[in-house]
Amino acid sequence: MKSIARFRGSRGCGCHELFVDTSAPAERQVVITDDFGQKVEMSLDRLGSLVEAAKTGALDLALTG
């Protein structure tokens, strides 16, 4: 797996990290880990959809409540 980005929190917790694993099946090539040892796996297409939603502001409500 290749680390793409590390997301640091503001509360001194561990970091979330984004990886790409090109050797994994297509639907599981993107891996996001959290500071509790959990992970989410998704396809590159799904990550692209998530990034596009963030760019268009569709996820802003999640940040503001």
C-alpha atoms as a PDB file:
ATOM      1  CA  MET A   1       0.000   0.000   0.000  1.00  0.00           C
ATOM      2  CA  LYS A   2       1.158   3.495  -0.812  1.00  0.00           C
ATOM      3  CA  SER A   3       0.346   6.310   1.596  1.00  0.00           C
ATOM      4  CA  ILE A   4      -1.320   9.211  -0.232  1.00  0.00           C
ATOM      5  CA  ALA A   5      -2.305  11.559   2.598  1.00  0.00           C
ATOM      6  CA  ARG A   6      -2.285  11.812   6.386  1.00  0.00           C
ATOM      7  CA  PHE A   7      -5.012  13.801   8.116  1.00  0.00           C
ATOM      8  CA  ARG A   8      -4.075  15.256  11.477  1.00  0.00           C
ATOM      9  CA  GLY A   9      -6.801  16.016  13.990  1.00  0.00           C
ATOM     10  CA  SER A  10      -6.875  19.028  16.266  1.00  0.00           C
ATOM     11  CA  ARG A  11      -7.326  17.101  19.516  1.00  0.00           C
ATOM     12  CA  GLY A  12      -4.013  15.308  19.668  1.00  0.00           C
ATOM     13  CA  CYS A  13      -5.539  12.013  18.550  1.00  0.00           C
ATOM     14  CA  GLY A  14      -3.877   9.699  16.091  1.00  0.00           C
ATOM     15  CA  CYS A  15      -3.970  10.409  12.395  1.00  0.00           C
ATOM     16  CA  HIS A  16      -6.314   9.118   9.744  1.00  0.00           C
ATOM     17  CA  GLU A  17      -4.463   8.007   6.638  1.00  0.00           C
ATOM     18  CA  LEU A  18      -5.391   7.435   2.996  1.00  0.00           C
ATOM     19  CA  PHE A  19      -3.668   4.615   1.095  1.00  0.00           C
ATOM     20  CA  VAL A  20      -3.925   3.196  -2.415  1.00  0.00           C
ATOM     21  CA  ASP A  21      -3.255  -0.525  -2.877  1.00  0.00           C
ATOM     22  CA  THR A  22      -3.103  -1.287  -6.601  1.00  0.00           C
ATOM     23  CA  SER A  23      -2.641  -4.997  -5.888  1.00  0.00           C
ATOM     24  CA  ALA A  24      -6.062  -5.236  -4.179  1.00  0.00           C
ATOM     25  CA  PRO A  25      -9.318  -5.978  -6.052  1.00  0.00           C
ATOM     26  CA  ALA A  26     -10.634  -2.841  -7.814  1.00  0.00           C
ATOM     27  CA  GLU A  27     -13.468  -2.331  -5.321  1.00  0.00           C
ATOM     28  CA  ARG A  28     -10.997  -2.285  -2.389  1.00  0.00           C
ATOM     29  CA  GLN A  29      -7.978  -0.354  -3.718  1.00  0.00           C
ATOM     30  CA  VAL A  30      -8.516   2.752  -1.574  1.00  0.00           C
ATOM     31  CA  VAL A  31      -8.012   2.258   2.159  1.00  0.00           C
ATOM     32  CA  ILE A  32      -8.693   4.874   4.835  1.00  0.00           C
ATOM     33  CA  THR A  33      -7.482   3.995   8.325  1.00  0.00           C
ATOM     34  CA  ASP A  34      -8.363   5.668  11.614  1.00  0.00           C
ATOM     35  CA  ASP A  35      -6.560   6.009  14.921  1.00  0.00           C
ATOM     36  CA  PHE A  36      -8.554   3.117  16.431  1.00  0.00           C
ATOM     37  CA  GLY A  37      -7.253   0.529  13.965  1.00  0.00           C
ATOM     38  CA  GLN A  38     -10.414   0.493  11.840  1.00  0.00           C
ATOM     39  CA  LYS A  39     -10.408   0.887   8.075  1.00  0.00           C
ATOM     40  CA  VAL A  40     -12.702   1.648   5.176  1.00  0.00           C
ATOM     41  CA  GLU A  41     -12.033   0.162   1.758  1.00  0.00           C
ATOM     42  CA  MET A  42     -13.477   1.498  -1.492  1.00  0.00           C
ATOM     43  CA  SER A  43     -12.835   1.755  -5.210  1.00  0.00           C
ATOM     44  CA  LEU A  44     -10.991   4.605  -6.881  1.00  0.00           C
ATOM     45  CA  ASP A  45     -14.309   5.562  -8.526  1.00  0.00           C
ATOM     46  CA  ARG A  46     -16.016   5.812  -5.127  1.00  0.00           C
ATOM     47  CA  LEU A  47     -13.171   7.982  -3.820  1.00  0.00           C
ATOM     48  CA  GLY A  48     -13.538  10.179  -6.904  1.00  0.00           C
ATOM     49  CA  SER A  49     -17.237  10.629  -6.141  1.00  0.00           C
ATOM     50  CA  LEU A  50     -16.433  11.559  -2.553  1.00  0.00           C
ATOM     51  CA  VAL A  51     -13.807  14.093  -3.653  1.00  0.00           C
ATOM     52  CA  GLU A  52     -16.228  15.609  -6.177  1.00  0.00           C
ATOM     53  CA  ALA A  53     -18.920  15.930  -3.502  1.00  0.00           C
ATOM     54  CA  ALA A  54     -16.436  17.717  -1.247  1.00  0.00           C
ATOM     55  CA  LYS A  55     -15.409  20.084  -4.054  1.00  0.00           C
ATOM     56  CA  THR A  56     -18.998  21.055  -4.855  1.00  0.00           C
ATOM     57  CA  GLY A  57     -19.822  21.746  -1.198  1.00  0.00           C
ATOM     58  CA  ALA A  58     -22.224  18.800  -0.873  1.00  0.00           C
ATOM     59  CA  LEU A  59     -20.461  17.679   2.323  1.00  0.00           C
ATOM     60  CA  ASP A  60     -20.408  21.095   4.021  1.00  0.00           C
ATOM     61  CA  LEU A  61     -23.496  20.283   6.099  1.00  0.00           C
ATOM     62  CA  ALA A  62     -21.594  17.414   7.736  1.00  0.00           C
ATOM     63  CA  LEU A  63     -19.086  19.943   9.070  1.00  0.00           C
ATOM     64  CA  THR A  64     -21.560  22.544  10.233  1.00  0.00           C
ATOM     65  CA  GLY A  65     -24.238  20.232  11.646  1.00  0.00           C
END
